[in-house]
Protein backbone atom coordinates (compact mmCIF):
# COMPACT_ATOMS: atom_id res chain seq x y z
CA GLN A 1 -26.07 0.01 9.85
CA THR A 2 -24.95 -3.60 10.35
CA ARG A 3 -24.02 -3.23 13.90
CA GLY A 4 -25.66 -5.80 16.47
CA GLN A 5 -27.22 -7.58 13.42
CA GLY A 6 -24.62 -10.36 13.63
CA ILE A 7 -22.83 -9.47 10.28
CA ASP A 8 -19.14 -9.37 10.14
CA VAL A 9 -17.53 -6.75 7.69
CA TYR A 10 -14.27 -7.34 5.87
CA THR A 11 -12.24 -4.91 3.67
CA HIS A 12 -10.33 -5.57 0.66
CA GLY A 13 -7.77 -3.74 -1.22
CA ASP A 14 -6.79 -0.27 0.01
CA LEU A 15 -9.30 -0.34 2.70
CA LEU A 16 -6.73 -2.34 4.81
CA ALA A 17 -5.85 1.00 6.22
CA ALA A 18 -9.34 1.00 7.74
CA HIS A 19 -8.19 -1.17 10.57
CA GLY A 20 -5.69 1.53 11.67
CA TYR A 21 -8.18 4.03 12.55
CA PRO A 22 -9.11 3.94 16.14
CA GLU A 23 -12.68 5.00 15.62
CA LEU A 24 -13.42 2.44 13.07
CA ARG A 25 -11.76 -0.37 15.53
CA LYS A 26 -14.39 0.47 17.96
CA PHE A 27 -16.77 -1.59 15.64
CA GLU A 28 -16.42 -5.24 16.97
CA ASN A 29 -17.80 -6.35 13.61
CA LEU A 30 -15.04 -4.97 11.65
CA ALA A 31 -13.96 -8.56 11.33
CA GLY A 32 -10.73 -8.43 9.14
CA HIS A 33 -9.12 -7.97 5.73
CA PHE A 34 -10.11 -10.64 3.26
CA GLY A 35 -7.75 -11.20 0.40
CA THR A 36 -5.37 -8.82 -0.75
CA HIS A 37 -5.88 -5.85 -3.39
CA TRP A 38 -7.59 -4.92 -6.32
CA VAL A 39 -5.58 -6.86 -8.90
CA HIS A 40 -6.57 -10.19 -7.65
CA GLN A 41 -10.55 -9.59 -6.86
CA VAL A 42 -11.70 -11.69 -9.88
CA ASN A 43 -10.20 -14.86 -8.12
CA GLU A 44 -10.72 -13.46 -4.49
CA PHE A 45 -14.09 -12.40 -4.68
CA ARG A 46 -15.42 -15.70 -6.03
CA HIS A 47 -14.40 -17.26 -2.76
CA PHE A 48 -16.07 -14.88 -0.50
CA PRO A 49 -19.59 -16.05 0.57
CA GLY A 50 -21.34 -12.84 1.02
CA PRO A 51 -22.48 -9.60 -0.64
CA ILE A 52 -19.54 -7.28 -1.91
CA LEU A 53 -19.79 -3.46 -1.97
CA MET A 54 -17.13 -1.52 -4.36
CA THR A 55 -16.61 2.06 -3.62
CA SER A 56 -13.64 2.90 -5.81
CA ASN A 57 -12.48 3.03 -9.23
CA CYS A 58 -10.62 -0.14 -8.89
CA LEU A 59 -13.68 -2.20 -9.98
CA GLN A 60 -12.77 -4.86 -12.61
CA PRO A 61 -15.65 -6.61 -14.55
CA PRO A 62 -16.95 -9.27 -12.70
CA THR A 63 -17.62 -12.78 -13.44
CA ARG A 64 -20.74 -14.67 -13.21
CA LYS A 65 -19.20 -16.41 -9.89
CA TYR A 66 -19.98 -13.27 -8.01
CA ALA A 67 -21.70 -10.50 -10.08
CA ASP A 68 -25.07 -11.27 -8.61
CA ARG A 69 -23.39 -10.48 -5.20
CA LEU A 70 -21.79 -7.52 -6.09
CA TRP A 71 -22.91 -3.79 -5.32
CA THR A 72 -21.38 -0.44 -6.07
CA SER A 73 -21.70 2.92 -4.41
CA GLY A 74 -19.95 6.40 -4.58
CA PRO A 75 -17.72 6.77 -8.09
CA ALA A 76 -17.98 3.05 -8.72
CA GLY A 77 -20.27 1.49 -11.03
CA PHE A 78 -20.64 -1.08 -13.76
CA HIS A 79 -23.46 -1.92 -16.22
CA GLY A 80 -25.66 -4.44 -14.72
CA VAL A 81 -24.33 -4.13 -11.36
CA LEU A 82 -26.79 -3.27 -8.58
CA ARG A 83 -26.19 0.12 -7.05
CA LEU A 84 -26.63 1.66 -3.44
CA SER A 85 -27.00 5.13 -2.05
CA ASP A 86 -27.05 5.79 1.59
CA ASP A 87 -29.53 2.92 2.38
CA PHE A 88 -27.69 -0.42 2.54
CA SER A 89 -30.53 -2.52 3.81
CA PRO A 90 -30.73 -4.45 0.48
CA LEU A 91 -27.29 -5.58 0.94
CA ILE A 92 -27.56 -6.08 4.73
CA GLY A 93 -30.53 -8.52 3.75
CA MET A 94 -28.39 -10.41 1.46
CA ALA A 95 -25.76 -10.53 4.01
CA LEU A 96 -28.17 -12.11 6.87
CA ASP A 97 -28.98 -14.71 3.93
CA SER A 98 -25.49 -15.78 3.19
CA PRO A 99 -23.17 -18.24 4.81
CA SER A 100 -20.46 -17.12 7.01
CA VAL A 101 -16.90 -16.79 6.11
CA ASP A 102 -15.62 -20.24 7.38
CA GLU A 103 -12.11 -21.08 8.26
CA THR A 104 -11.53 -23.08 5.15
CA ALA A 105 -12.65 -20.26 2.72
CA SER A 106 -10.43 -17.60 4.60
CA CYS A 107 -7.23 -19.88 4.40
CA LYS A 108 -8.10 -20.53 0.82
CA MET A 109 -8.34 -17.06 0.09
CA LEU A 110 -5.42 -16.00 2.13
CA ALA A 111 -3.14 -18.39 0.16
CA CYS A 112 -3.89 -16.48 -2.80
CA GLY A 113 -2.30 -13.32 -1.46
CA VAL A 114 0.99 -12.08 -3.02
CA ALA A 115 2.67 -11.89 0.40
CA HIS A 116 1.46 -15.26 1.27
CA THR A 117 0.98 -14.13 4.91
CA THR A 118 -1.95 -14.20 7.12
CA SER A 119 -1.61 -10.90 8.82
CA LEU A 120 -0.29 -7.62 7.83
CA ARG A 121 0.64 -4.62 10.21
CA THR A 122 -1.21 -1.35 9.46
CA GLY A 123 -1.79 1.83 11.18
CA PHE A 124 1.53 3.73 10.76
CA GLY A 125 -0.04 7.18 9.58
CA HIS A 126 2.10 10.20 10.66
CA GLU A 127 -0.07 10.71 13.92
CA ALA A 128 0.65 7.27 15.18
CA MET A 129 4.23 7.80 13.92
CA ARG A 130 4.71 10.86 16.31
CA GLU A 131 5.09 8.69 19.11
CA VAL A 132 7.99 6.89 17.71
CA VAL A 133 9.82 9.65 15.58
CA ASP A 134 12.24 10.42 18.43
CA ASP A 135 13.18 6.69 19.07
CA ILE A 136 13.74 6.19 15.23
CA ALA A 137 15.96 9.42 15.03
CA GLN A 138 17.98 7.79 18.21
CA LEU A 139 18.69 4.71 16.15
CA ILE A 140 19.95 6.98 13.33
CA ARG A 141 22.20 8.81 15.70
CA SER A 142 23.56 5.62 17.08
CA GLY A 143 24.26 4.23 13.71
CA THR A 144 21.79 1.24 14.22
CA LEU A 145 19.53 2.47 11.59
CA LYS A 146 21.41 3.36 8.43
CA HIS A 147 18.80 3.50 5.42
CA ILE A 148 15.29 4.58 5.13
CA PHE A 149 13.60 2.98 2.07
CA VAL A 150 10.28 4.41 0.80
CA ILE A 151 8.74 1.68 -1.65
CA GLY A 152 5.26 2.22 -2.39
CA GLY A 153 2.54 3.44 -5.03
CA GLY A 154 -0.22 1.63 -7.16
CA ASP A 155 0.16 -1.94 -8.13
CA GLY A 156 -0.70 -3.84 -11.42
CA THR A 157 -0.98 -7.22 -13.00
CA GLU A 158 2.62 -7.25 -14.75
CA LEU A 159 4.76 -9.94 -13.59
CA ARG A 160 7.74 -7.54 -13.67
CA ARG A 161 6.27 -5.56 -10.63
CA SER A 162 7.85 -8.37 -8.58
CA TYR A 163 10.93 -5.85 -8.67
CA PHE A 164 9.58 -4.08 -5.85
CA ARG A 165 9.23 -7.36 -3.95
CA GLU A 166 12.86 -8.39 -4.67
CA LEU A 167 14.18 -5.02 -3.68
CA ALA A 168 12.37 -4.90 -0.43
CA LEU A 169 13.53 -8.59 0.27
CA HIS A 170 17.12 -7.74 0.07
CA THR A 171 17.11 -4.56 2.02
CA PRO A 172 19.72 -4.49 4.79
CA ALA A 173 18.96 -5.58 8.33
CA ASP A 174 20.04 -2.04 9.34
CA SER A 175 17.15 -0.28 7.36
CA ILE A 176 13.40 0.22 7.66
CA ILE A 177 10.90 0.40 4.86
CA LEU A 178 8.03 2.97 4.53
CA THR A 179 5.27 1.83 2.13
CA PHE A 180 2.18 3.01 0.96
CA GLY A 181 -0.55 2.25 -1.62
CA CYS A 182 -1.50 -1.24 -2.82
CA VAL A 183 2.13 -2.28 -3.71
CA LYS A 184 2.43 -3.08 -0.18
CA PHE A 185 0.62 -6.46 -0.77
CA ARG A 186 3.81 -7.49 -2.46
CA LEU A 187 5.96 -6.76 0.62
CA TYR A 188 6.77 -9.46 3.32
CA GLU A 189 7.10 -8.89 7.09
CA HIS A 190 10.65 -7.83 7.48
CA GLY A 191 11.39 -8.81 11.17
CA THR A 192 12.36 -6.12 13.53
CA LEU A 193 15.09 -3.58 14.27
CA ALA A 194 15.76 -2.53 17.87
CA GLY A 195 12.29 -3.97 18.89
CA ARG A 196 10.57 -1.90 16.09
CA PRO A 197 9.00 -3.48 12.76
CA ARG A 198 11.17 -2.79 9.68
CA LEU A 199 8.37 -2.41 7.68
CA PHE A 200 5.68 0.46 8.43
CA ASP A 201 2.60 0.69 6.32
CA MET A 202 1.48 4.18 5.98
CA GLY A 203 -1.77 3.65 4.45
CA GLN A 204 -3.02 4.15 0.86
CA SER A 205 -1.48 5.91 -2.35
CA SER A 206 -2.77 9.40 -1.13
CA ASP A 207 -0.94 8.65 2.32
CA VAL A 208 2.40 9.41 0.61
CA TYR A 209 1.74 12.51 2.73
CA SER A 210 2.23 10.74 5.81
CA VAL A 211 5.52 9.40 4.57
CA LEU A 212 6.59 13.03 3.98
CA VAL A 213 5.38 14.28 7.29
CA VAL A 214 7.29 11.63 9.06
CA VAL A 215 10.64 11.99 7.38
CA THR A 216 9.87 15.94 7.99
CA MET A 217 9.54 15.20 11.82
CA LEU A 218 12.83 12.98 11.68
CA ALA A 219 14.90 15.80 9.86
CA GLU A 220 13.63 18.08 12.68
CA ALA A 221 14.43 15.76 15.50
CA LEU A 222 17.74 15.45 14.05
CA GLY A 223 18.26 18.85 13.42
CA CYS A 224 19.13 18.46 9.72
CA SER A 225 17.48 18.82 6.34
CA VAL A 226 15.28 16.11 4.78
CA HIS A 227 17.80 15.88 2.00
CA ASP A 228 20.40 14.75 4.74
CA LEU A 229 18.51 11.71 5.61
CA PRO A 230 19.52 8.47 4.35
CA LEU A 231 16.33 8.13 2.07
CA HIS A 232 15.99 5.91 -0.94
CA PHE A 233 12.87 6.05 -3.19
CA ALA A 234 11.15 3.29 -5.45
CA VAL A 235 7.82 4.45 -6.63
CA SER A 236 5.41 2.07 -8.26
CA TRP A 237 3.79 3.54 -11.20
CA PHE A 238 0.29 2.74 -12.23
CA GLU A 239 -2.11 5.66 -12.97
CA GLN A 240 -3.06 9.11 -12.23
CA LYS A 241 -2.65 8.86 -8.62
CA ALA A 242 0.96 8.16 -9.12
CA LEU A 243 1.61 11.23 -11.19
CA ALA A 244 0.55 13.26 -8.04
CA VAL A 245 2.79 11.30 -5.86
CA LEU A 246 5.81 11.92 -8.28
CA LEU A 247 5.15 15.56 -8.52
CA THR A 248 4.84 16.02 -4.86
CA LEU A 249 8.20 14.44 -4.38
CA LEU A 250 9.67 16.33 -7.11
CA HIS A 251 8.35 19.60 -5.72
CA LEU A 252 10.15 18.78 -2.65
CA GLU A 253 13.56 18.32 -4.56
CA LEU A 254 13.89 14.89 -3.23
CA GLN A 255 16.68 13.24 -5.45
CA ASP A 256 17.42 9.90 -6.81
CA ILE A 257 13.74 8.51 -7.17
CA ARG A 258 13.28 5.21 -8.98
CA ILE A 259 10.12 4.73 -10.81
CA GLY A 260 8.74 1.59 -12.46
CA PRO A 261 8.00 -1.00 -13.78
CA ALA A 262 8.11 1.52 -16.90
CA ALA A 263 8.23 5.27 -17.10
CA PRO A 264 4.95 6.88 -17.68
CA ALA A 265 4.19 7.77 -21.29
CA PHE A 266 4.48 11.59 -20.74
CA LEU A 267 8.35 10.98 -19.64
CA THR A 268 9.78 11.20 -22.97
CA SER A 269 13.38 10.37 -23.09
CA LYS A 270 14.06 14.09 -23.25
CA VAL A 271 12.01 14.94 -20.22
CA LEU A 272 13.35 11.97 -18.18
CA GLY A 273 16.71 13.26 -19.26
CA LEU A 274 16.12 16.61 -17.99
CA LEU A 275 14.63 15.32 -14.63
CA ASN A 276 17.49 12.81 -14.25
CA GLY A 277 20.02 15.61 -14.51
CA GLN A 278 18.22 17.93 -12.02
CA PHE A 279 16.77 15.37 -9.44
CA GLY A 280 18.41 12.04 -10.54
CA LEU A 281 14.99 10.59 -11.29
CA ARG A 282 15.50 7.25 -13.29
CA ALA A 283 13.67 4.18 -14.46
CA VAL A 284 14.15 1.06 -12.32
CA ASP A 285 16.34 -1.70 -13.43
CA LEU A 286 13.72 -4.53 -13.83
CA ASP A 287 16.17 -7.24 -14.29
CA HIS A 288 18.74 -6.00 -11.55
CA ALA A 289 16.88 -5.02 -8.42
CA ASP A 290 20.28 -5.96 -6.44
CA ASP A 291 22.25 -3.56 -8.58
CA ASP A 292 19.59 -0.87 -7.91
CA LEU A 293 19.87 -1.57 -4.14
CA ALA A 294 23.46 -1.58 -4.15
CA GLU A 295 23.33 2.01 -5.94
CA MET A 296 20.91 3.40 -3.30
CA ILE A 297 23.14 2.33 -0.46
CA ARG A 298 25.92 3.95 -2.13
CA GLY A 299 23.85 7.24 -2.34
CA HIS A 300 22.63 7.11 -5.88
């Protein structure tokens, strides 16, 4: 509805994944990604000059700095916040009357990002990865690629969630990282391995499905089982979506999954002990990401 009206559209949070869809990239006014993810919206939204549309349950109570520019649709809603259905003309009218996103605002906003970067690679869903699976398999055969780290899940405000950033930062150069969910915003660019990026953003939390499809394709290309791949898991727990992620991984009998920053409440010490015995499921060591990494590399 904004096409041809001189309005630029920016994504926020998990909608970073939108920039990886070819059909959406056809819209020239899909201009970029503003800020980082839901955790920082209160600070980031006050710097954005135009109207803001929230479409998910990641809405935080707005402040007066931007509450009069905030709209909701779909499952999202908040007392006193304007609501839209299928007609976005009120929001479009506000956008036309708003100042543009100038370079100063963009730089100020991007400086608030957890990863402190002005760009992020995305769009590595399983369909896109089909084109490179054989190349990655060959890197494993040749010994160039020795480890595949799956670091993803939901993110929160606790400082101890920096564990996942520290873990990713110290992964060895002969490894790649598959990430999903908003924990991606804690991960830096990690350079390249044999001309390929070492960090692959698979999408949103539910796109753990893409991770599983990709590792399955890798196993098929190598003629082995998924359990034979050099896989290491660190899942950032936040809320109910992470439960679906965890149950999916356990259903596939994947081993040695680390979960944190704290185990969910339903994982009592007895339950965690049973899952540890059968699957190697364990809590992350928040103060010693380096020790966890060393154990992962040793195959634990």
